[in-house]
Amino acid sequence: VLASGCKGPEKVVSAYEEENYNKDIYRGPLF
């Protein structure tokens, strides 16, 4: 948020979650 200047914090956090939570490292393969 701080690095983004005047962008709304809700949009920045949403973008962060979208980028980082939708990766296989969170899901992982089922045994």
PDB file of all heavy atoms in Angstrom:
ATOM      1  N   VAL A   1       0.836  -1.206   0.000  1.00  0.00           N
ATOM      2  CA  VAL A   1       0.000   0.000   0.000  1.00  0.00           C
ATOM      3  C   VAL A   1       0.867   1.251   0.000  1.00  0.00           C
ATOM      4  O   VAL A   1       0.664   2.185  -0.774  1.00  0.00           O
ATOM      5  CB  VAL A   1      -0.944   0.004   1.227  1.00  0.00           C
ATOM      6  CG1 VAL A   1      -1.641   1.359   1.348  1.00  0.00           C
ATOM      7  CG2 VAL A   1      -1.961  -1.103   1.096  1.00  0.00           C
ATOM      8  N   LEU A   2       1.870   1.253   0.896  1.00  0.00           N
ATOM      9  CA  LEU A   2       2.743   2.417   0.998  1.00  0.00           C
ATOM     10  C   LEU A   2       3.505   2.664  -0.291  1.00  0.00           C
ATOM     11  O   LEU A   2       3.695   3.791  -0.731  1.00  0.00           O
ATOM     12  CB  LEU A   2       3.716   2.241   2.171  1.00  0.00           C
ATOM     13  CG  LEU A   2       3.064   2.237   3.568  1.00  0.00           C
ATOM     14  CD1 LEU A   2       4.101   1.900   4.621  1.00  0.00           C
ATOM     15  CD2 LEU A   2       2.399   3.579   3.860  1.00  0.00           C
ATOM     16  N   ALA A   3       3.939   1.557  -0.902  1.00  0.00           N
ATOM     17  CA  ALA A   3       4.714   1.678  -2.138  1.00  0.00           C
ATOM     18  C   ALA A   3       3.852   2.090  -3.314  1.00  0.00           C
ATOM     19  O   ALA A   3       4.339   2.584  -4.319  1.00  0.00           O
ATOM     20  CB  ALA A   3       5.410   0.354  -2.437  1.00  0.00           C
ATOM     21  N   SER A   4       2.556   1.897  -3.198  1.00  0.00           N
ATOM     22  CA  SER A   4       1.671   2.155  -4.332  1.00  0.00           C
ATOM     23  C   SER A   4       1.191   3.595  -4.403  1.00  0.00           C
ATOM     24  O   SER A   4       0.460   3.963  -5.309  1.00  0.00           O
ATOM     25  CB  SER A   4       0.460   1.217  -4.262  1.00  0.00           C
ATOM     26  OG  SER A   4      -0.324   1.558  -3.144  1.00  0.00           O
ATOM     27  N   GLY A   5       1.544   4.392  -3.438  1.00  0.00           N
ATOM     28  CA  GLY A   5       1.140   5.794  -3.469  1.00  0.00           C
ATOM     29  C   GLY A   5      -0.292   5.969  -3.036  1.00  0.00           C
ATOM     30  O   GLY A   5      -0.674   5.656  -1.926  1.00  0.00           O
ATOM     31  N   CYS A   6      -1.132   6.520  -3.933  1.00  0.00           N
ATOM     32  CA  CYS A   6      -2.501   6.909  -3.580  1.00  0.00           C
ATOM     33  C   CYS A   6      -3.544   5.846  -3.872  1.00  0.00           C
ATOM     34  O   CYS A   6      -4.738   6.108  -3.751  1.00  0.00           O
ATOM     35  CB  CYS A   6      -2.871   8.205  -4.328  1.00  0.00           C
ATOM     36  SG  CYS A   6      -1.837   9.623  -3.859  1.00  0.00           S
ATOM     37  N   LYS A   7      -3.160   4.672  -4.308  1.00  0.00           N
ATOM     38  CA  LYS A   7      -4.157   3.637  -4.607  1.00  0.00           C
ATOM     39  C   LYS A   7      -4.874   3.225  -3.332  1.00  0.00           C
ATOM     40  O   LYS A   7      -4.287   3.191  -2.262  1.00  0.00           O
ATOM     41  CB  LYS A   7      -3.495   2.407  -5.225  1.00  0.00           C
ATOM     42  CG  LYS A   7      -2.936   2.661  -6.625  1.00  0.00           C
ATOM     43  CD  LYS A   7      -2.314   1.388  -7.167  1.00  0.00           C
ATOM     44  CE  LYS A   7      -1.715   1.616  -8.559  1.00  0.00           C
ATOM     45  NZ  LYS A   7      -1.087   0.402  -9.097  1.00  0.00           N
ATOM     46  N   GLY A   8      -6.147   2.876  -3.458  1.00  0.00           N
ATOM     47  CA  GLY A   8      -6.921   2.442  -2.304  1.00  0.00           C
ATOM     48  C   GLY A   8      -6.358   1.165  -1.714  1.00  0.00           C
ATOM     49  O   GLY A   8      -5.975   0.249  -2.437  1.00  0.00           O
ATOM     50  N   PRO A   9      -6.267   1.058  -0.376  1.00  0.00           N
ATOM     51  CA  PRO A   9      -5.699  -0.132   0.259  1.00  0.00           C
ATOM     52  C   PRO A   9      -6.490  -1.396  -0.042  1.00  0.00           C
ATOM     53  O   PRO A   9      -5.921  -2.475  -0.155  1.00  0.00           O
ATOM     54  CB  PRO A   9      -5.747   0.212   1.759  1.00  0.00           C
ATOM     55  CG  PRO A   9      -6.760   1.307   1.879  1.00  0.00           C
ATOM     56  CD  PRO A   9      -6.666   2.070   0.604  1.00  0.00           C
ATOM     57  N   GLU A  10      -7.821  -1.270  -0.205  1.00  0.00           N
ATOM     58  CA  GLU A  10      -8.621  -2.458  -0.491  1.00  0.00           C
ATOM     59  C   GLU A  10      -8.211  -3.088  -1.818  1.00  0.00           C
ATOM     60  O   GLU A  10      -8.097  -4.303  -1.937  1.00  0.00           O
ATOM     61  CB  GLU A  10     -10.117  -2.099  -0.527  1.00  0.00           C
ATOM     62  CG  GLU A  10     -10.690  -1.660   0.805  1.00  0.00           C
ATOM     63  CD  GLU A  10     -10.468  -0.159   1.051  1.00  0.00           C
ATOM     64  OE1 GLU A  10      -9.817   0.487   0.171  1.00  0.00           O
ATOM     65  OE2 GLU A  10     -10.912   0.340   2.079  1.00  0.00           O
ATOM     66  N   LYS A  11      -7.961  -2.248  -2.828  1.00  0.00           N
ATOM     67  CA  LYS A  11      -7.592  -2.765  -4.150  1.00  0.00           C
ATOM     68  C   LYS A  11      -6.216  -3.406  -4.112  1.00  0.00           C
ATOM     69  O   LYS A  11      -5.967  -4.433  -4.743  1.00  0.00           O
ATOM     70  CB  LYS A  11      -7.623  -1.643  -5.177  1.00  0.00           C
ATOM     71  CG  LYS A  11      -9.019  -1.129  -5.499  1.00  0.00           C
ATOM     72  CD  LYS A  11      -8.979  -0.069  -6.585  1.00  0.00           C
ATOM     73  CE  LYS A  11     -10.397   0.413  -6.919  1.00  0.00           C
ATOM     74  NZ  LYS A  11     -10.384   1.459  -7.971  1.00  0.00           N
ATOM     75  N   VAL A  12      -5.298  -2.796  -3.379  1.00  0.00           N
ATOM     76  CA  VAL A  12      -3.933  -3.326  -3.316  1.00  0.00           C
ATOM     77  C   VAL A  12      -3.906  -4.673  -2.599  1.00  0.00           C
ATOM     78  O   VAL A  12      -3.281  -5.628  -3.044  1.00  0.00           O
ATOM     79  CB  VAL A  12      -2.998  -2.322  -2.605  1.00  0.00           C
ATOM     80  CG1 VAL A  12      -1.607  -2.936  -2.431  1.00  0.00           C
ATOM     81  CG2 VAL A  12      -2.902  -1.037  -3.415  1.00  0.00           C
ATOM     82  N   VAL A  13      -4.606  -4.748  -1.453  1.00  0.00           N
ATOM     83  CA  VAL A  13      -4.651  -6.013  -0.711  1.00  0.00           C
ATOM     84  C   VAL A  13      -5.316  -7.094  -1.543  1.00  0.00           C
ATOM     85  O   VAL A  13      -4.883  -8.244  -1.570  1.00  0.00           O
ATOM     86  CB  VAL A  13      -5.382  -5.826   0.635  1.00  0.00           C
ATOM     87  CG1 VAL A  13      -5.603  -7.175   1.307  1.00  0.00           C
ATOM     88  CG2 VAL A  13      -4.563  -4.914   1.544  1.00  0.00           C
ATOM     89  N   SER A  14      -6.390  -6.728  -2.256  1.00  0.00           N
ATOM     90  CA  SER A  14      -7.075  -7.694  -3.112  1.00  0.00           C
ATOM     91  C   SER A  14      -6.144  -8.222  -4.189  1.00  0.00           C
ATOM     92  O   SER A  14      -6.101  -9.420  -4.471  1.00  0.00           O
ATOM     93  CB  SER A  14      -8.300  -7.031  -3.745  1.00  0.00           C
ATOM     94  OG  SER A  14      -8.921  -7.933  -4.648  1.00  0.00           O
ATOM     95  N   ALA A  15      -5.365  -7.332  -4.769  1.00  0.00           N
ATOM     96  CA  ALA A  15      -4.413  -7.758  -5.807  1.00  0.00           C
ATOM     97  C   ALA A  15      -3.342  -8.660  -5.222  1.00  0.00           C
ATOM     98  O   ALA A  15      -2.932  -9.655  -5.821  1.00  0.00           O
ATOM     99  CB  ALA A  15      -3.786  -6.528  -6.465  1.00  0.00           C
ATOM    100  N   TYR A  16      -2.893  -8.323  -3.988  1.00  0.00           N
ATOM    101  CA  TYR A  16      -1.871  -9.141  -3.321  1.00  0.00           C
ATOM    102  C   TYR A  16      -2.381 -10.554  -3.061  1.00  0.00           C
ATOM    103  O   TYR A  16      -1.703 -11.550  -3.306  1.00  0.00           O
ATOM    104  CB  TYR A  16      -1.477  -8.473  -2.006  1.00  0.00           C
ATOM    105  CG  TYR A  16      -0.433  -9.253  -1.229  1.00  0.00           C
ATOM    106  CD1 TYR A  16       0.920  -9.094  -1.500  1.00  0.00           C
ATOM    107  CD2 TYR A  16      -0.813 -10.145  -0.225  1.00  0.00           C
ATOM    108  CE1 TYR A  16       1.872  -9.813  -0.796  1.00  0.00           C
ATOM    109  CE2 TYR A  16       0.133 -10.868   0.477  1.00  0.00           C
ATOM    110  CZ  TYR A  16       1.478 -10.687   0.188  1.00  0.00           C
ATOM    111  OH  TYR A  16       2.412 -11.412   0.868  1.00  0.00           O
ATOM    112  N   GLU A  17      -3.614 -10.643  -2.558  1.00  0.00           N
ATOM    113  CA  GLU A  17      -4.196 -11.956  -2.281  1.00  0.00           C
ATOM    114  C   GLU A  17      -4.369 -12.768  -3.555  1.00  0.00           C
ATOM    115  O   GLU A  17      -4.106 -13.964  -3.596  1.00  0.00           O
ATOM    116  CB  GLU A  17      -5.545 -11.779  -1.579  1.00  0.00           C
ATOM    117  CG  GLU A  17      -5.423 -11.254  -0.165  1.00  0.00           C
ATOM    118  CD  GLU A  17      -6.772 -11.045   0.484  1.00  0.00           C
ATOM    119  OE1 GLU A  17      -7.781 -11.041  -0.263  1.00  0.00           O
ATOM    120  OE2 GLU A  17      -6.826 -10.891   1.710  1.00  0.00           O
ATOM    121  N   GLU A  18      -4.851 -12.082  -4.602  1.00  0.00           N
ATOM    122  CA  GLU A  18      -5.087 -12.783  -5.871  1.00  0.00           C
ATOM    123  C   GLU A  18      -3.790 -13.345  -6.435  1.00  0.00           C
ATOM    124  O   GLU A  18      -3.746 -14.445  -6.965  1.00  0.00           O
ATOM    125  CB  GLU A  18      -5.724 -11.825  -6.867  1.00  0.00           C
ATOM    126  CG  GLU A  18      -6.146 -12.494  -8.168  1.00  0.00           C
ATOM    127  CD  GLU A  18      -6.928 -11.554  -9.058  1.00  0.00           C
ATOM    128  OE1 GLU A  18      -7.793 -10.825  -8.521  1.00  0.00           O
ATOM    129  OE2 GLU A  18      -6.658 -11.522 -10.262  1.00  0.00           O
ATOM    130  N   GLU A  19      -2.706 -12.571  -6.264  1.00  0.00           N
ATOM    131  CA  GLU A  19      -1.417 -12.999  -6.805  1.00  0.00           C
ATOM    132  C   GLU A  19      -0.805 -14.133  -6.001  1.00  0.00           C
ATOM    133  O   GLU A  19      -0.208 -15.062  -6.537  1.00  0.00           O
ATOM    134  CB  GLU A  19      -0.446 -11.825  -6.823  1.00  0.00           C
ATOM    135  CG  GLU A  19       0.954 -12.204  -7.334  1.00  0.00           C
ATOM    136  CD  GLU A  19       1.923 -11.044  -7.250  1.00  0.00           C
ATOM    137  OE1 GLU A  19       1.493  -9.916  -6.920  1.00  0.00           O
ATOM    138  OE2 GLU A  19       3.121 -11.276  -7.511  1.00  0.00           O
ATOM    139  N   ASN A  20      -0.968 -14.095  -4.676  1.00  0.00           N
ATOM    140  CA  ASN A  20      -0.232 -15.017  -3.813  1.00  0.00           C
ATOM    141  C   ASN A  20      -1.032 -16.209  -3.314  1.00  0.00           C
ATOM    142  O   ASN A  20      -0.449 -17.231  -2.969  1.00  0.00           O
ATOM    143  CB  ASN A  20       0.328 -14.258  -2.609  1.00  0.00           C
ATOM    144  CG  ASN A  20       1.474 -13.346  -3.006  1.00  0.00           C
ATOM    145  OD1 ASN A  20       2.601 -13.799  -3.144  1.00  0.00           O
ATOM    146  ND2 ASN A  20       1.172 -12.067  -3.202  1.00  0.00           N
ATOM    147  N   TYR A  21      -2.377 -16.109  -3.242  1.00  0.00           N
ATOM    148  CA  TYR A  21      -3.146 -17.212  -2.677  1.00  0.00           C
ATOM    149  C   TYR A  21      -3.578 -18.237  -3.720  1.00  0.00           C
ATOM    150  O   TYR A  21      -4.037 -19.301  -3.379  1.00  0.00           O
ATOM    151  CB  TYR A  21      -4.394 -16.687  -1.963  1.00  0.00           C
ATOM    152  CG  TYR A  21      -4.103 -15.937  -0.690  1.00  0.00           C
ATOM    153  CD1 TYR A  21      -5.111 -15.252  -0.030  1.00  0.00           C
ATOM    154  CD2 TYR A  21      -2.820 -15.919  -0.137  1.00  0.00           C
ATOM    155  CE1 TYR A  21      -4.849 -14.544   1.142  1.00  0.00           C
ATOM    156  CE2 TYR A  21      -2.546 -15.223   1.020  1.00  0.00           C
ATOM    157  CZ  TYR A  21      -3.568 -14.537   1.649  1.00  0.00           C
ATOM    158  OH  TYR A  21      -3.306 -13.853   2.799  1.00  0.00           O
ATOM    159  N   ASN A  22      -3.461 -17.932  -4.976  1.00  0.00           N
ATOM    160  CA  ASN A  22      -3.929 -18.842  -6.020  1.00  0.00           C
ATOM    161  C   ASN A  22      -2.790 -19.642  -6.637  1.00  0.00           C
ATOM    162  O   ASN A  22      -2.686 -19.804  -7.829  1.00  0.00           O
ATOM    163  CB  ASN A  22      -4.671 -18.063  -7.112  1.00  0.00           C
ATOM    164  CG  ASN A  22      -5.953 -17.463  -6.587  1.00  0.00           C
ATOM    165  OD1 ASN A  22      -6.597 -18.067  -5.749  1.00  0.00           O
ATOM    166  ND2 ASN A  22      -6.304 -16.284  -7.067  1.00  0.00           N
ATOM    167  N   LYS A  23      -1.883 -20.081  -5.792  1.00  0.00           N
ATOM    168  CA  LYS A  23      -0.723 -20.831  -6.267  1.00  0.00           C
ATOM    169  C   LYS A  23      -0.771 -22.251  -5.722  1.00  0.00           C
ATOM    170  O   LYS A  23      -1.330 -22.509  -4.660  1.00  0.00           O
ATOM    171  CB  LYS A  23       0.574 -20.153  -5.822  1.00  0.00           C
ATOM    172  CG  LYS A  23       0.805 -18.801  -6.494  1.00  0.00           C
ATOM    173  CD  LYS A  23       2.126 -18.203  -6.041  1.00  0.00           C
ATOM    174  CE  LYS A  23       2.399 -16.871  -6.735  1.00  0.00           C
ATOM    175  NZ  LYS A  23       3.670 -16.262  -6.290  1.00  0.00           N
ATOM    176  N   ASP A  24      -0.105 -23.174  -6.433  1.00  0.00           N
ATOM    177  CA  ASP A  24      -0.104 -24.575  -6.025  1.00  0.00           C
ATOM    178  C   ASP A  24       0.540 -24.785  -4.661  1.00  0.00           C
ATOM    179  O   ASP A  24       0.260 -25.760  -3.978  1.00  0.00           O
ATOM    180  CB  ASP A  24       0.629 -25.428  -7.073  1.00  0.00           C
ATOM    181  CG  ASP A  24      -0.217 -25.648  -8.303  1.00  0.00           C
ATOM    182  OD1 ASP A  24      -1.434 -25.427  -8.211  1.00  0.00           O
ATOM    183  OD2 ASP A  24       0.332 -26.005  -9.350  1.00  0.00           O
ATOM    184  N   ILE A  25       1.399 -23.831  -4.245  1.00  0.00           N
ATOM    185  CA  ILE A  25       2.039 -23.996  -2.943  1.00  0.00           C
ATOM    186  C   ILE A  25       1.006 -24.020  -1.822  1.00  0.00           C
ATOM    187  O   ILE A  25       1.200 -24.626  -0.780  1.00  0.00           O
ATOM    188  CB  ILE A  25       3.084 -22.885  -2.712  1.00  0.00           C
ATOM    189  CG1 ILE A  25       3.908 -23.179  -1.456  1.00  0.00           C
ATOM    190  CG2 ILE A  25       2.428 -21.513  -2.574  1.00  0.00           C
ATOM    191  CD1 ILE A  25       5.086 -22.252  -1.274  1.00  0.00           C
ATOM    192  N   TYR A  26      -0.140 -23.382  -2.048  1.00  0.00           N
ATOM    193  CA  TYR A  26      -1.196 -23.376  -1.037  1.00  0.00           C
ATOM    194  C   TYR A  26      -2.097 -24.594  -1.171  1.00  0.00           C
ATOM    195  O   TYR A  26      -2.637 -25.081  -0.188  1.00  0.00           O
ATOM    196  CB  TYR A  26      -2.026 -22.093  -1.142  1.00  0.00           C
ATOM    197  CG  TYR A  26      -1.243 -20.871  -0.748  1.00  0.00           C
ATOM    198  CD1 TYR A  26      -0.674 -20.044  -1.709  1.00  0.00           C
ATOM    199  CD2 TYR A  26      -1.048 -20.553   0.593  1.00  0.00           C
ATOM    200  CE1 TYR A  26       0.065 -18.924  -1.340  1.00  0.00           C
ATOM    201  CE2 TYR A  26      -0.313 -19.437   0.973  1.00  0.00           C
ATOM    202  CZ  TYR A  26       0.246 -18.626   0.010  1.00  0.00           C
ATOM    203  OH  TYR A  26       0.976 -17.536   0.377  1.00  0.00           O
ATOM    204  N   ARG A  27      -2.294 -25.050  -2.391  1.00  0.00           N
ATOM    205  CA  ARG A  27      -3.191 -26.192  -2.608  1.00  0.00           C
ATOM    206  C   ARG A  27      -2.434 -27.506  -2.432  1.00  0.00           C
ATOM    207  O   ARG A  27      -2.818 -28.343  -1.638  1.00  0.00           O
ATOM    208  CB  ARG A  27      -3.814 -26.094  -4.009  1.00  0.00           C
ATOM    209  CG  ARG A  27      -4.777 -24.937  -4.159  1.00  0.00           C
ATOM    210  CD  ARG A  27      -5.582 -25.062  -5.430  1.00  0.00           C
ATOM    211  NE  ARG A  27      -4.755 -25.053  -6.614  1.00  0.00           N
ATOM    212  CZ  ARG A  27      -4.457 -23.949  -7.290  1.00  0.00           C
ATOM    213  NH1 ARG A  27      -4.905 -22.777  -6.874  1.00  0.00           N
ATOM    214  NH2 ARG A  27      -3.716 -23.987  -8.377  1.00  0.00           N
ATOM    215  N   GLY A  28      -1.351 -27.675  -3.198  1.00  0.00           N
ATOM    216  CA  GLY A  28      -0.560 -28.885  -3.101  1.00  0.00           C
ATOM    217  C   GLY A  28      -1.255 -30.065  -3.745  1.00  0.00           C
ATOM    218  O   GLY A  28      -2.484 -30.135  -3.785  1.00  0.00           O
ATOM    219  N   PRO A  29      -0.489 -31.049  -4.262  1.00  0.00           N
ATOM    220  CA  PRO A  29      -1.092 -32.237  -4.849  1.00  0.00           C
ATOM    221  C   PRO A  29      -1.641 -33.155  -3.764  1.00  0.00           C
ATOM    222  O   PRO A  29      -1.078 -33.247  -2.670  1.00  0.00           O
ATOM    223  CB  PRO A  29       0.093 -32.903  -5.570  1.00  0.00           C
ATOM    224  CG  PRO A  29       1.300 -32.438  -4.829  1.00  0.00           C
ATOM    225  CD  PRO A  29       0.986 -31.047  -4.359  1.00  0.00           C
ATOM    226  N   LEU A  30      -2.736 -33.814  -4.036  1.00  0.00           N
ATOM    227  CA  LEU A  30      -3.299 -34.777  -3.102  1.00  0.00           C
ATOM    228  C   LEU A  30      -2.542 -36.087  -3.212  1.00  0.00           C
ATOM    229  O   LEU A  30      -2.252 -36.561  -4.307  1.00  0.00           O
ATOM    230  CB  LEU A  30      -4.783 -35.001  -3.408  1.00  0.00           C
ATOM    231  CG  LEU A  30      -5.680 -33.777  -3.228  1.00  0.00           C
ATOM    232  CD1 LEU A  30      -7.090 -34.106  -3.698  1.00  0.00           C
ATOM    233  CD2 LEU A  30      -5.691 -33.319  -1.785  1.00  0.00           C
ATOM    234  N   PHE A  31      -2.242 -36.719  -2.050  1.00  0.00           N
ATOM    235  CA  PHE A  31      -1.472 -37.956  -2.064  1.00  0.00           C
ATOM    236  C   PHE A  31      -2.161 -39.032  -2.880  1.00  0.00           C
ATOM    237  O   PHE A  31      -1.523 -39.785  -3.599  1.00  0.00           O
ATOM    238  CB  PHE A  31      -1.278 -38.456  -0.622  1.00  0.00           C
ATOM    239  CG  PHE A  31      -0.555 -39.764  -0.550  1.00  0.00           C
ATOM    240  CD1 PHE A  31       0.824 -39.811  -0.581  1.00  0.00           C
ATOM    241  CD2 PHE A  31      -1.242 -40.970  -0.476  1.00  0.00           C
ATOM    242  CE1 PHE A  31       1.504 -41.016  -0.524  1.00  0.00           C
ATOM    243  CE2 PHE A  31      -0.586 -42.175  -0.422  1.00  0.00           C
ATOM    244  CZ  PHE A  31       0.805 -42.196  -0.450  1.00  0.00           C
TER     245      PHE A  31
END
